PDB file of N, CA and C in Angstrom:
ATOM      1  N   UNK A   1      38.424 117.688  51.002  1.00  0.00           N
ATOM      2  CA  UNK A   1      38.771 118.746  52.294  1.00  0.00           C
ATOM      3  C   UNK A   1      37.137 118.503  53.107  1.00  0.00           C
ATOM      4  N   UNK A   2      37.268 118.884  54.429  1.00  0.00           N
ATOM      5  CA  UNK A   2      36.408 118.264  55.188  1.00  0.00           C
ATOM      6  C   UNK A   2      35.611 119.698  55.221  1.00  0.00           C
ATOM      7  N   UNK A   3      34.262 119.514  55.568  1.00  0.00           N
ATOM      8  CA  UNK A   3      33.346 120.817  55.577  1.00  0.00           C
ATOM      9  C   UNK A   3      33.314 120.855  57.011  1.00  0.00           C
ATOM     10  N   UNK A   4      33.263 122.536  57.110  1.00  0.00           N
ATOM     11  CA  UNK A   4      33.470 123.030  58.376  1.00  0.00           C
ATOM     12  C   UNK A   4      32.252 124.053  58.518  1.00  0.00           C
ATOM     13  N   UNK A   5      31.554 123.150  59.576  1.00  0.00           N
ATOM     14  CA  UNK A   5      30.180 124.229  59.646  1.00  0.00           C
ATOM     15  C   UNK A   5      30.795 124.953  60.987  1.00  0.00           C
ATOM     16  N   UNK A   6      29.809 126.522  60.473  1.00  0.00           N
ATOM     17  CA  UNK A   6      30.294 127.863  61.591  1.00  0.00           C
ATOM     18  C   UNK A   6      29.063 127.521  62.504  1.00  0.00           C
ATOM     19  N   UNK A   7      28.697 126.935  62.989  1.00  0.00           N
ATOM     20  CA  UNK A   7      27.242 127.458  64.089  1.00  0.00           C
ATOM     21  C   UNK A   7      27.640 127.911  65.298  1.00  0.00           C
ATOM     22  N   UNK A   8      29.047 127.308  65.888  1.00  0.00           N
ATOM     23  CA  UNK A   8      29.551 128.025  66.831  1.00  0.00           C
ATOM     24  C   UNK A   8      30.308 129.001  67.035  1.00  0.00           C
ATOM     25  N   UNK A   9      30.978 129.466  65.919  1.00  0.00           N
ATOM     26  CA  UNK A   9      31.309 130.487  65.870  1.00  0.00           C
ATOM     27  C   UNK A   9      30.190 131.563  65.576  1.00  0.00           C
ATOM     28  N   UNK A  10      29.184 131.609  64.749  1.00  0.00           N
ATOM     29  CA  UNK A  10      28.088 132.456  64.727  1.00  0.00           C
ATOM     30  C   UNK A  10      27.495 132.697  66.006  1.00  0.00           C
ATOM     31  N   UNK A  11      27.193 131.566  66.663  1.00  0.00           N
ATOM     32  CA  UNK A  11      26.668 131.617  68.191  1.00  0.00           C
ATOM     33  C   UNK A  11      27.652 132.580  69.018  1.00  0.00           C
ATOM     34  N   UNK A  12      28.754 132.246  68.940  1.00  0.00           N
ATOM     35  CA  UNK A  12      29.783 132.970  69.800  1.00  0.00           C
ATOM     36  C   UNK A  12      30.005 134.689  69.417  1.00  0.00           C
ATOM     37  N   UNK A  13      29.508 134.646  68.538  1.00  0.00           N
ATOM     38  CA  UNK A  13      29.912 136.102  67.585  1.00  0.00           C
ATOM     39  C   UNK A  13      28.200 136.743  68.264  1.00  0.00           C
ATOM     40  N   UNK A  14      27.468 136.445  68.049  1.00  0.00           N
ATOM     41  CA  UNK A  14      25.999 136.490  68.457  1.00  0.00           C
ATOM     42  C   UNK A  14      25.767 137.099  69.658  1.00  0.00           C
ATOM     43  N   UNK A  15      26.356 136.037  70.634  1.00  0.00           N
ATOM     44  CA  UNK A  15      26.634 135.967  72.376  1.00  0.00           C
ATOM     45  C   UNK A  15      27.123 136.940  72.295  1.00  0.00           C
ATOM     46  N   UNK A  16      28.537 137.886  72.016  1.00  0.00           N
ATOM     47  CA  UNK A  16      29.255 138.356  72.351  1.00  0.00           C
ATOM     48  C   UNK A  16      28.792 139.808  72.142  1.00  0.00           C
ATOM     49  N   UNK A  17      28.044 139.885  71.293  1.00  0.00           N
ATOM     50  CA  UNK A  17      26.955 141.502  70.530  1.00  0.00           C
ATOM     51  C   UNK A  17      26.443 141.411  71.211  1.00  0.00           C
ATOM     52  N   UNK A  18      25.288 140.348  72.038  1.00  0.00           N
ATOM     53  CA  UNK A  18      24.276 140.851  72.353  1.00  0.00           C
ATOM     54  C   UNK A  18      24.688 140.599  74.285  1.00  0.00           C
ATOM     55  N   UNK A  19      25.794 140.559  74.593  1.00  0.00           N
ATOM     56  CA  UNK A  19      26.711 140.576  75.662  1.00  0.00           C
ATOM     57  C   UNK A  19      26.753 142.166  75.922  1.00  0.00           C
ATOM     58  N   UNK A  20      27.340 142.693  75.003  1.00  0.00           N
ATOM     59  CA  UNK A  20      28.228 143.916  75.045  1.00  0.00           C
ATOM     60  C   UNK A  20      26.857 144.862  75.164  1.00  0.00           C
ATOM     61  N   UNK A  21      25.491 144.621  74.216  1.00  0.00           N
ATOM     62  CA  UNK A  21      24.466 145.540  74.229  1.00  0.00           C
ATOM     63  C   UNK A  21      23.348 145.784  75.538  1.00  0.00           C
ATOM     64  N   UNK A  22      23.907 144.701  76.663  1.00  0.00           N
ATOM     65  CA  UNK A  22      23.193 144.365  77.616  1.00  0.00           C
ATOM     66  C   UNK A  22      22.579 146.059  78.594  1.00  0.00           C
ATOM     67  N   UNK A  23      21.448 145.890  78.781  1.00  0.00           N
ATOM     68  CA  UNK A  23      20.798 146.968  79.771  1.00  0.00           C
ATOM     69  C   UNK A  23      20.458 148.103  78.806  1.00  0.00           C
ATOM     70  N   UNK A  24      20.291 147.862  77.354  1.00  0.00           N
ATOM     71  CA  UNK A  24      19.631 149.350  76.315  1.00  0.00           C
ATOM     72  C   UNK A  24      18.099 148.724  76.454  1.00  0.00           C
ATOM     73  N   UNK A  25      17.453 149.333  76.336  1.00  0.00           N
ATOM     74  CA  UNK A  25      16.020 149.672  76.201  1.00  0.00           C
ATOM     75  C   UNK A  25      15.387 149.069  74.704  1.00  0.00           C
ATOM     76  N   UNK A  26      14.447 148.608  74.685  1.00  0.00           N
ATOM     77  CA  UNK A  26      13.741 148.384  73.574  1.00  0.00           C
ATOM     78  C   UNK A  26      14.313 147.064  72.811  1.00  0.00           C
ATOM     79  N   UNK A  27      14.400 147.067  71.575  1.00  0.00           N
ATOM     80  CA  UNK A  27      15.362 145.648  70.652  1.00  0.00           C
ATOM     81  C   UNK A  27      16.418 145.934  70.858  1.00  0.00           C
ATOM     82  N   UNK A  28      17.050 146.981  71.614  1.00  0.00           N
ATOM     83  CA  UNK A  28      18.789 147.174  70.991  1.00  0.00           C
ATOM     84  C   UNK A  28      19.175 146.271  72.030  1.00  0.00           C
ATOM     85  N   UNK A  29      18.846 145.806  73.207  1.00  0.00           N
ATOM     86  CA  UNK A  29      19.571 144.573  73.598  1.00  0.00           C
ATOM     87  C   UNK A  29      18.888 143.111  73.598  1.00  0.00           C
ATOM     88  N   UNK A  30      17.933 142.901  72.376  1.00  0.00           N
ATOM     89  CA  UNK A  30      17.565 141.268  72.016  1.00  0.00           C
ATOM     90  C   UNK A  30      17.598 141.207  70.699  1.00  0.00           C
ATOM     91  N   UNK A  31      17.366 141.981  69.838  1.00  0.00           N
ATOM     92  CA  UNK A  31      17.762 141.934  68.477  1.00  0.00           C
ATOM     93  C   UNK A  31      19.211 142.152  67.825  1.00  0.00           C
ATOM     94  N   UNK A  32      19.687 140.973  67.208  1.00  0.00           N
ATOM     95  CA  UNK A  32      21.087 141.147  66.802  1.00  0.00           C
ATOM     96  C   UNK A  32      21.772 142.479  66.055  1.00  0.00           C
ATOM     97  N   UNK A  33      20.763 142.366  65.196  1.00  0.00           N
ATOM     98  CA  UNK A  33      20.961 143.752  64.149  1.00  0.00           C
ATOM     99  C   UNK A  33      20.931 144.917  65.101  1.00  0.00           C
ATOM    100  N   UNK A  34      19.779 145.481  65.300  1.00  0.00           N
ATOM    101  CA  UNK A  34      19.687 146.687  66.488  1.00  0.00           C
ATOM    102  C   UNK A  34      20.677 146.349  67.366  1.00  0.00           C
ATOM    103  N   UNK A  35      21.103 145.575  67.825  1.00  0.00           N
ATOM    104  CA  UNK A  35      22.420 145.137  69.112  1.00  0.00           C
ATOM    105  C   UNK A  35      23.588 145.853  68.410  1.00  0.00           C
ATOM    106  N   UNK A  36      24.224 145.589  67.547  1.00  0.00           N
ATOM    107  CA  UNK A  36      25.314 145.880  66.384  1.00  0.00           C
ATOM    108  C   UNK A  36      25.558 147.347  66.446  1.00  0.00           C
ATOM    109  N   UNK A  37      24.158 147.919  65.791  1.00  0.00           N
ATOM    110  CA  UNK A  37      24.253 149.183  65.353  1.00  0.00           C
ATOM    111  C   UNK A  37      24.333 150.111  67.037  1.00  0.00           C
ATOM    112  N   UNK A  38      23.472 149.603  67.710  1.00  0.00           N
ATOM    113  CA  UNK A  38      23.769 150.065  69.251  1.00  0.00           C
ATOM    114  C   UNK A  38      25.001 150.314  69.908  1.00  0.00           C
ATOM    115  N   UNK A  39      25.865 148.602  69.761  1.00  0.00           N
ATOM    116  CA  UNK A  39      27.090 148.992  69.762  1.00  0.00           C
ATOM    117  C   UNK A  39      28.176 149.797  69.213  1.00  0.00           C
ATOM    118  N   UNK A  40      27.786 150.102  67.762  1.00  0.00           N
ATOM    119  CA  UNK A  40      28.586 150.969  67.388  1.00  0.00           C
ATOM    120  C   UNK A  40      28.483 152.261  67.447  1.00  0.00           C
ATOM    121  N   UNK A  41      27.093 152.934  67.764  1.00  0.00           N
ATOM    122  CA  UNK A  41      26.786 154.291  68.361  1.00  0.00           C
ATOM    123  C   UNK A  41      27.405 154.284  69.669  1.00  0.00           C
ATOM    124  N   UNK A  42      27.260 152.921  70.890  1.00  0.00           N
ATOM    125  CA  UNK A  42      28.371 153.544  71.767  1.00  0.00           C
ATOM    126  C   UNK A  42      29.536 153.625  71.896  1.00  0.00           C
ATOM    127  N   UNK A  43      30.603 153.004  70.790  1.00  0.00           N
ATOM    128  CA  UNK A  43      31.647 153.007  70.792  1.00  0.00           C
ATOM    129  C   UNK A  43      31.754 154.467  70.447  1.00  0.00           C
ATOM    130  N   UNK A  44      30.727 155.085  69.615  1.00  0.00           N
ATOM    131  CA  UNK A  44      31.292 156.457  68.783  1.00  0.00           C
ATOM    132  C   UNK A  44      31.103 157.182  69.887  1.00  0.00           C
ATOM    133  N   UNK A  45      29.936 157.297  70.565  1.00  0.00           N
ATOM    134  CA  UNK A  45      29.721 157.670  71.982  1.00  0.00           C
ATOM    135  C   UNK A  45      30.827 158.159  73.095  1.00  0.00           C
ATOM    136  N   UNK A  46      31.323 156.838  73.131  1.00  0.00           N
ATOM    137  CA  UNK A  46      32.516 156.632  73.849  1.00  0.00           C
ATOM    138  C   UNK A  46      33.589 157.576  73.900  1.00  0.00           C
ATOM    139  N   UNK A  47      34.253 157.154  72.476  1.00  0.00           N
ATOM    140  CA  UNK A  47      35.320 158.117  71.831  1.00  0.00           C
ATOM    141  C   UNK A  47      34.948 159.585  71.882  1.00  0.00           C
ATOM    142  N   UNK A  48      33.793 160.039  71.473  1.00  0.00           N
ATOM    143  CA  UNK A  48      33.641 161.613  71.219  1.00  0.00           C
ATOM    144  C   UNK A  48      33.578 162.114  72.732  1.00  0.00           C
ATOM    145  N   UNK A  49      32.744 161.559  73.720  1.00  0.00           N
ATOM    146  CA  UNK A  49      33.141 162.154  75.014  1.00  0.00           C
ATOM    147  C   UNK A  49      33.991 161.605  76.196  1.00  0.00           C
ATOM    148  N   UNK A  50      35.068 160.938  75.881  1.00  0.00           N
ATOM    149  CA  UNK A  50      35.966 161.076  76.251  1.00  0.00           C
ATOM    150  C   UNK A  50      37.199 162.248  75.932  1.00  0.00           C
ATOM    151  N   UNK A  51      36.911 162.318  74.786  1.00  0.00           N
ATOM    152  CA  UNK A  51      37.807 164.246  74.772  1.00  0.00           C
ATOM    153  C   UNK A  51      36.381 165.454  75.348  1.00  0.00           C
ATOM    154  N   UNK A  52      35.659 165.055  75.107  1.00  0.00           N
ATOM    155  CA  UNK A  52      34.865 165.956  75.783  1.00  0.00           C
ATOM    156  C   UNK A  52      34.698 166.322  77.385  1.00  0.00           C
ATOM    157  N   UNK A  53      34.881 165.259  77.858  1.00  0.00           N
ATOM    158  CA  UNK A  53      35.078 164.893  79.083  1.00  0.00           C
ATOM    159  C   UNK A  53      36.116 166.127  79.967  1.00  0.00           C
ATOM    160  N   UNK A  54      37.409 166.323  79.043  1.00  0.00           N
ATOM    161  CA  UNK A  54      38.631 167.263  79.207  1.00  0.00           C
ATOM    162  C   UNK A  54      38.039 168.889  79.641  1.00  0.00           C
ATOM    163  N   UNK A  55      37.084 169.383  78.500  1.00  0.00           N
ATOM    164  CA  UNK A  55      36.434 170.493  78.562  1.00  0.00           C
ATOM    165  C   UNK A  55      35.428 170.558  79.831  1.00  0.00           C
ATOM    166  N   UNK A  56      34.730 169.637  80.204  1.00  0.00           N
ATOM    167  CA  UNK A  56      34.151 169.456  80.885  1.00  0.00           C
ATOM    168  C   UNK A  56      34.495 169.729  82.584  1.00  0.00           C
ATOM    169  N   UNK A  57      35.362 169.417  82.979  1.00  0.00           N
ATOM    170  CA  UNK A  57      35.938 169.314  84.341  1.00  0.00           C
ATOM    171  C   UNK A  57      36.612 170.664  83.989  1.00  0.00           C
ATOM    172  N   UNK A  58      37.153 171.055  83.117  1.00  0.00           N
ATOM    173  CA  UNK A  58      37.933 172.710  82.833  1.00  0.00           C
ATOM    174  C   UNK A  58      36.648 173.351  83.459  1.00  0.00           C
ATOM    175  N   UNK A  59      35.348 173.268  82.813  1.00  0.00           N
ATOM    176  CA  UNK A  59      34.878 174.167  83.389  1.00  0.00           C
ATOM    177  C   UNK A  59      34.076 174.190  84.624  1.00  0.00           C
ATOM    178  N   UNK A  60      34.291 172.770  85.096  1.00  0.00           N
ATOM    179  CA  UNK A  60      33.768 172.834  86.750  1.00  0.00           C
ATOM    180  C   UNK A  60      35.382 173.514  87.494  1.00  0.00           C
ATOM    181  N   UNK A  61      36.462 173.382  87.111  1.00  0.00           N
ATOM    182  CA  UNK A  61      37.493 174.283  87.657  1.00  0.00           C
ATOM    183  C   UNK A  61      36.963 175.328  87.773  1.00  0.00           C
ATOM    184  N   UNK A  62      36.575 175.839  86.877  1.00  0.00           N
ATOM    185  CA  UNK A  62      36.287 177.296  86.555  1.00  0.00           C
ATOM    186  C   UNK A  62      35.363 178.091  87.227  1.00  0.00           C
ATOM    187  N   UNK A  63      34.392 177.445  87.366  1.00  0.00           N
ATOM    188  CA  UNK A  63      32.897 177.335  88.150  1.00  0.00           C
ATOM    189  C   UNK A  63      33.635 177.380  89.784  1.00  0.00           C
ATOM    190  N   UNK A  64      33.997 176.288  90.437  1.00  0.00           N
ATOM    191  CA  UNK A  64      34.397 176.779  91.632  1.00  0.00           C
ATOM    192  C   UNK A  64      35.418 177.192  91.746  1.00  0.00           C
ATOM    193  N   UNK A  65      36.370 178.118  91.451  1.00  0.00           N
ATOM    194  CA  UNK A  65      37.176 178.803  91.569  1.00  0.00           C
ATOM    195  C   UNK A  65      36.124 180.266  91.201  1.00  0.00           C
ATOM    196  N   UNK A  66      35.770 180.764  90.590  1.00  0.00           N
ATOM    197  CA  UNK A  66      34.946 181.724  90.309  1.00  0.00           C
ATOM    198  C   UNK A  66      34.071 181.674  92.034  1.00  0.00           C
ATOM    199  N   UNK A  67      33.416 180.688  92.344  1.00  0.00           N
ATOM    200  CA  UNK A  67      33.290 180.353  93.326  1.00  0.00           C
ATOM    201  C   UNK A  67      33.465 181.092  94.578  1.00  0.00           C
ATOM    202  N   UNK A  68      34.451 180.278  94.680  1.00  0.00           N
ATOM    203  CA  UNK A  68      35.554 181.027  96.210  1.00  0.00           C
ATOM    204  C   UNK A  68      36.026 182.078  95.501  1.00  0.00           C
ATOM    205  N   UNK A  69      36.219 183.115  94.702  1.00  0.00           N
ATOM    206  CA  UNK A  69      36.974 184.092  94.637  1.00  0.00           C
ATOM    207  C   UNK A  69      35.948 185.284  94.556  1.00  0.00           C
ATOM    208  N   UNK A  70      34.771 184.886  94.305  1.00  0.00           N
ATOM    209  CA  UNK A  70      33.636 185.924  94.684  1.00  0.00           C
ATOM    210  C   UNK A  70      33.451 185.745  96.079  1.00  0.00           C
ATOM    211  N   UNK A  71      33.616 185.376  96.819  1.00  0.00           N
ATOM    212  CA  UNK A  71      33.515 185.266  98.832  1.00  0.00           C
ATOM    213  C   UNK A  71      35.234 186.017  98.755  1.00  0.00           C
ATOM    214  N   UNK A  72      35.998 186.410  98.326  1.00  0.00           N
ATOM    215  CA  UNK A  72      37.385 186.954  98.687  1.00  0.00           C
ATOM    216  C   UNK A  72      36.920 188.699  97.698  1.00  0.00           C
ATOM    217  N   UNK A  73      35.871 188.412  97.097  1.00  0.00           N
ATOM    218  CA  UNK A  73      35.645 190.077  96.348  1.00  0.00           C
ATOM    219  C   UNK A  73      37.002 189.910  95.157  1.00  0.00           C
ATOM    220  N   UNK A  74      36.725 188.904  94.383  1.00  0.00           N
ATOM    221  CA  UNK A  74      37.721 189.174  93.106  1.00  0.00           C
ATOM    222  C   UNK A  74      37.383 188.284  92.099  1.00  0.00           C
ATOM    223  N   UNK A  75      37.428 188.692  90.763  1.00  0.00           N
ATOM    224  CA  UNK A  75      36.435 188.230  89.959  1.00  0.00           C
ATOM    225  C   UNK A  75      37.612 187.009  88.938  1.00  0.00           C
ATOM    226  N   UNK A  76      36.650 185.970  88.747  1.00  0.00           N
ATOM    227  CA  UNK A  76      37.988 184.788  88.024  1.00  0.00           C
ATOM    228  C   UNK A  76      38.960 185.394  87.174  1.00  0.00           C
ATOM    229  N   UNK A  77      38.494 186.374  86.221  1.00  0.00           N
ATOM    230  CA  UNK A  77      39.344 186.637  85.190  1.00  0.00           C
ATOM    231  C   UNK A  77      40.379 187.298  85.477  1.00  0.00           C
ATOM    232  N   UNK A  78      39.988 188.625  87.112  1.00  0.00           N
ATOM    233  CA  UNK A  78      41.362 188.613  86.861  1.00  0.00           C
ATOM    234  C   UNK A  78      42.286 187.930  87.979  1.00  0.00           C
ATOM    235  N   UNK A  79      41.743 187.087  88.196  1.00  0.00           N
ATOM    236  CA  UNK A  79      42.757 186.054  89.375  1.00  0.00           C
ATOM    237  C   UNK A  79      43.389 185.734  88.249  1.00  0.00           C
ATOM    238  N   UNK A  80      43.118 185.369  87.615  1.00  0.00           N
ATOM    239  CA  UNK A  80      43.926 184.215  86.764  1.00  0.00           C
ATOM    240  C   UNK A  80      44.743 185.329  85.823  1.00  0.00           C
ATOM    241  N   UNK A  81      44.341 186.816  85.736  1.00  0.00           N
ATOM    242  CA  UNK A  81      45.177 187.709  85.150  1.00  0.00           C
ATOM    243  C   UNK A  81      46.585 188.026  85.423  1.00  0.00           C
ATOM    244  N   UNK A  82      45.995 187.786  87.140  1.00  0.00           N
ATOM    245  CA  UNK A  82      47.069 188.258  88.072  1.00  0.00           C
ATOM    246  C   UNK A  82      48.035 187.076  88.270  1.00  0.00           C
ATOM    247  N   UNK A  83      47.398 185.914  88.126  1.00  0.00           N
ATOM    248  CA  UNK A  83      48.317 185.000  88.451  1.00  0.00           C
ATOM    249  C   UNK A  83      49.251 184.227  86.687  1.00  0.00           C
ATOM    250  N   UNK A  84      49.096 184.911  85.902  1.00  0.00           N
ATOM    251  CA  UNK A  84      49.546 184.258  84.581  1.00  0.00           C
ATOM    252  C   UNK A  84      50.824 185.930  85.106  1.00  0.00           C
ATOM    253  N   UNK A  85      50.473 187.304  85.382  1.00  0.00           N
ATOM    254  CA  UNK A  85      51.743 188.071  85.223  1.00  0.00           C
ATOM    255  C   UNK A  85      52.450 187.793  86.352  1.00  0.00           C
ATOM    256  N   UNK A  86      52.041 187.011  87.994  1.00  0.00           N
ATOM    257  CA  UNK A  86      53.111 187.205  88.898  1.00  0.00           C
ATOM    258  C   UNK A  86      53.385 185.744  88.550  1.00  0.00           C
ATOM    259  N   UNK A  87      53.712 185.155  87.453  1.00  0.00           N
ATOM    260  CA  UNK A  87      54.068 183.494  87.253  1.00  0.00           C
ATOM    261  C   UNK A  87      53.967 182.537  88.756  1.00  0.00           C
ATOM    262  N   UNK A  88      52.649 182.763  88.727  1.00  0.00           N
ATOM    263  CA  UNK A  88      52.408 181.801  89.953  1.00  0.00           C
ATOM    264  C   UNK A  88      51.956 180.439  89.087  1.00  0.00           C
ATOM    265  N   UNK A  89      52.517 179.464  89.876  1.00  0.00           N
ATOM    266  CA  UNK A  89      52.465 178.201  88.590  1.00  0.00           C
ATOM    267  C   UNK A  89      51.548 177.109  89.389  1.00  0.00           C
ATOM    268  N   UNK A  90      50.484 177.893  89.499  1.00  0.00           N
ATOM    269  CA  UNK A  90      49.523 176.647  89.904  1.00  0.00           C
ATOM    270  C   UNK A  90      48.434 176.264  88.956  1.00  0.00           C
ATOM    271  N   UNK A  91      47.698 175.164  88.071  1.00  0.00           N
ATOM    272  CA  UNK A  91      46.879 175.472  86.912  1.00  0.00           C
ATOM    273  C   UNK A  91      45.381 175.412  88.110  1.00  0.00           C
ATOM    274  N   UNK A  92      44.563 175.075  87.222  1.00  0.00           N
ATOM    275  CA  UNK A  92      42.938 175.541  87.350  1.00  0.00           C
ATOM    276  C   UNK A  92      42.396 174.325  88.183  1.00  0.00           C
ATOM    277  N   UNK A  93      42.979 172.955  87.968  1.00  0.00           N
ATOM    278  CA  UNK A  93      42.400 172.090  88.656  1.00  0.00           C
ATOM    279  C   UNK A  93      42.689 171.750  90.363  1.00  0.00           C
ATOM    280  N   UNK A  94      44.475 172.155  90.537  1.00  0.00           N
ATOM    281  CA  UNK A  94      45.110 172.199  91.591  1.00  0.00           C
ATOM    282  C   UNK A  94      44.087 173.337  92.445  1.00  0.00           C
ATOM    283  N   UNK A  95      44.175 174.822  92.066  1.00  0.00           N
ATOM    284  CA  UNK A  95      43.630 175.587  92.447  1.00  0.00           C
ATOM    285  C   UNK A  95      42.522 175.136  92.960  1.00  0.00           C
ATOM    286  N   UNK A  96      41.750 174.542  92.191  1.00  0.00           N
ATOM    287  CA  UNK A  96      40.113 174.835  92.527  1.00  0.00           C
ATOM    288  C   UNK A  96      39.875 173.290  93.923  1.00  0.00           C
ATOM    289  N   UNK A  97      40.854 172.450  93.687  1.00  0.00           N
ATOM    290  CA  UNK A  97      40.978 171.662  94.735  1.00  0.00           C
ATOM    291  C   UNK A  97      41.437 172.029  96.201  1.00  0.00           C
ATOM    292  N   UNK A  98      42.396 173.227  96.041  1.00  0.00           N
ATOM    293  CA  UNK A  98      42.566 173.841  97.079  1.00  0.00           C
ATOM    294  C   UNK A  98      41.371 174.794  97.702  1.00  0.00           C
ATOM    295  N   UNK A  99      40.893 175.433  96.885  1.00  0.00           N
ATOM    296  CA  UNK A  99      40.006 176.442  97.199  1.00  0.00           C
ATOM    297  C   UNK A  99      38.473 175.476  97.956  1.00  0.00           C
ATOM    298  N   UNK A 100      38.420 174.236  97.636  1.00  0.00           N
ATOM    299  CA  UNK A 100      37.159 173.640  97.751  1.00  0.00           C
ATOM    300  C   UNK A 100      37.615 173.109  99.570  1.00  0.00           C
ATOM    301  N   UNK A 101      39.172 172.642  99.550  1.00  0.00           N
ATOM    302  CA  UNK A 101      39.367 171.775 100.705  1.00  0.00           C
ATOM    303  C   UNK A 101      40.069 172.796 101.553  1.00  0.00           C
ATOM    304  N   UNK A 102      40.764 173.508 101.148  1.00  0.00           N
ATOM    305  CA  UNK A 102      41.352 173.962 102.095  1.00  0.00           C
ATOM    306  C   UNK A 102      41.659 175.877 101.995  1.00  0.00           C
ATOM    307  N   UNK A 103      40.350 176.698 102.276  1.00  0.00           N
ATOM    308  CA  UNK A 103      39.871 177.918 102.001  1.00  0.00           C
ATOM    309  C   UNK A 103      40.776 178.589 102.470  1.00  0.00           C
ATOM    310  N   UNK A 104      41.531 178.427 103.979  1.00  0.00           N
ATOM    311  CA  UNK A 104      42.631 179.113 104.060  1.00  0.00           C
ATOM    312  C   UNK A 104      43.900 179.653 103.134  1.00  0.00           C
ATOM    313  N   UNK A 105      44.019 178.582 102.614  1.00  0.00           N
ATOM    314  CA  UNK A 105      45.519 178.331 102.324  1.00  0.00           C
ATOM    315  C   UNK A 105      45.160 179.211 100.863  1.00  0.00           C
ATOM    316  N   UNK A 106      44.156 178.860 100.063  1.00  0.00           N
ATOM    317  CA  UNK A 106      43.417 179.180  99.000  1.00  0.00           C
ATOM    318  C   UNK A 106      43.572 180.655  99.289  1.00  0.00           C
ATOM    319  N   UNK A 107      43.153 181.389 100.304  1.00  0.00           N
ATOM    320  CA  UNK A 107      43.113 182.915 100.531  1.00  0.00           C
ATOM    321  C   UNK A 107      44.547 183.631 100.561  1.00  0.00           C
ATOM    322  N   UNK A 108      45.842 182.850 101.202  1.00  0.00           N
ATOM    323  CA  UNK A 108      46.333 183.002 101.268  1.00  0.00           C
ATOM    324  C   UNK A 108      47.276 183.306  99.397  1.00  0.00           C
ATOM    325  N   UNK A 109      46.580 182.397  98.817  1.00  0.00           N
ATOM    326  CA  UNK A 109      47.225 182.442  97.124  1.00  0.00           C
ATOM    327  C   UNK A 109      46.987 184.001  96.973  1.00  0.00           C
ATOM    328  N   UNK A 110      45.488 183.859  96.693  1.00  0.00           N
ATOM    329  CA  UNK A 110      44.659 184.884  95.935  1.00  0.00           C
ATOM    330  C   UNK A 110      45.285 186.162  96.309  1.00  0.00           C
ATOM    331  N   UNK A 111      45.677 186.741  97.928  1.00  0.00           N
ATOM    332  CA  UNK A 111      46.812 187.709  99.185  1.00  0.00           C
ATOM    333  C   UNK A 111      47.605 188.114  97.877  1.00  0.00           C
ATOM    334  N   UNK A 112      48.799 186.371  97.733  1.00  0.00           N
ATOM    335  CA  UNK A 112      49.797 187.040  97.216  1.00  0.00           C
ATOM    336  C   UNK A 112      49.798 187.463  96.216  1.00  0.00           C
ATOM    337  N   UNK A 113      49.137 187.288  95.244  1.00  0.00           N
ATOM    338  CA  UNK A 113      49.094 187.551  93.666  1.00  0.00           C
ATOM    339  C   UNK A 113      48.541 188.782  93.830  1.00  0.00           C
ATOM    340  N   UNK A 114      47.780 189.210  94.413  1.00  0.00           N
ATOM    341  CA  UNK A 114      47.127 190.651  94.553  1.00  0.00           C
ATOM    342  C   UNK A 114      48.223 191.263  95.320  1.00  0.00           C
ATOM    343  N   UNK A 115      49.214 190.973  96.163  1.00  0.00           N
ATOM    344  CA  UNK A 115      50.082 191.847  97.034  1.00  0.00           C
ATOM    345  C   UNK A 115      51.480 191.850  95.651  1.00  0.00           C
ATOM    346  N   UNK A 116      51.599 191.227  94.888  1.00  0.00           N
ATOM    347  CA  UNK A 116      52.941 191.655  94.494  1.00  0.00           C
ATOM    348  C   UNK A 116      52.204 192.157  92.697  1.00  0.00           C
ATOM    349  N   UNK A 117      50.575 192.360  92.539  1.00  0.00           N
ATOM    350  CA  UNK A 117      50.564 192.974  92.108  1.00  0.00           C
ATOM    351  C   UNK A 117      50.565 194.424  92.154  1.00  0.00           C
ATOM    352  N   UNK A 118      50.275 194.510  93.364  1.00  0.00           N
ATOM    353  CA  UNK A 118      50.716 196.391  93.925  1.00  0.00           C
ATOM    354  C   UNK A 118      52.014 196.968  94.239  1.00  0.00           C
ATOM    355  N   UNK A 119      52.826 195.992  94.834  1.00  0.00           N
ATOM    356  CA  UNK A 119      54.303 196.079  94.423  1.00  0.00           C
ATOM    357  C   UNK A 119      54.709 196.331  93.177  1.00  0.00           C
ATOM    358  N   UNK A 120      54.360 195.889  91.831  1.00  0.00           N
ATOM    359  CA  UNK A 120      55.180 196.242  90.685  1.00  0.00           C
ATOM    360  C   UNK A 120      54.455 197.343  90.477  1.00  0.00           C
ATOM    361  N   UNK A 121      53.086 198.165  90.555  1.00  0.00           N
ATOM    362  CA  UNK A 121      52.495 198.965  90.199  1.00  0.00           C
ATOM    363  C   UNK A 121      53.329 200.303  90.998  1.00  0.00           C
ATOM    364  N   UNK A 122      53.611 200.136  92.066  1.00  0.00           N
ATOM    365  CA  UNK A 122      54.449 201.428  92.959  1.00  0.00           C
ATOM    366  C   UNK A 122      55.832 201.136  92.099  1.00  0.00           C
ATOM    367  N   UNK A 123      56.390 200.114  92.165  1.00  0.00           N
ATOM    368  CA  UNK A 123      57.678 200.354  91.169  1.00  0.00           C
ATOM    369  C   UNK A 123      57.803 201.227  89.989  1.00  0.00           C
ATOM    370  N   UNK A 124      56.337 200.981  88.697  1.00  0.00           N
ATOM    371  CA  UNK A 124      56.092 201.571  87.748  1.00  0.00           C
ATOM    372  C   UNK A 124      55.948 202.635  87.972  1.00  0.00           C
ATOM    373  N   UNK A 125      54.971 203.318  88.803  1.00  0.00           N
ATOM    374  CA  UNK A 125      55.210 204.653  89.138  1.00  0.00           C
ATOM    375  C   UNK A 125      55.994 205.464  89.252  1.00  0.00           C
ATOM    376  N   UNK A 126      57.030 204.636  90.665  1.00  0.00           N
ATOM    377  CA  UNK A 126      58.364 205.654  90.565  1.00  0.00           C
ATOM    378  C   UNK A 126      58.884 206.112  89.790  1.00  0.00           C
ATOM    379  N   UNK A 127      59.348 205.194  88.775  1.00  0.00           N
ATOM    380  CA  UNK A 127      59.918 205.079  87.103  1.00  0.00           C
ATOM    381  C   UNK A 127      59.158 206.429  86.373  1.00  0.00           C
TER     382      UNK A 127
END
């Protein structure tokens, strides 16, 4: 059986590890062992932060909605309560985009939610 030398394979592996580690500070971008550890850490952070990103965006949408609703004299929690009770099927993402790009339409949505609340209260009071 012939002898197989692995020099090219090792170089290729090292090269790819260091290529992935580009842009890092100190030895993390130049030293093979540190670069390997850095790559593993980076992958762990990327995995976790992909999940964290969902919550971050939800908080951004809530903040935007709260700011837009404050101008209309309504709190975020009361608006969400009205929205759920009146079966307005718009999620926070869509509502925040509408509030940001088309405030007049958003005001109409808020007024609609408040109007249905008052009509339901009148019906309950009449009974």
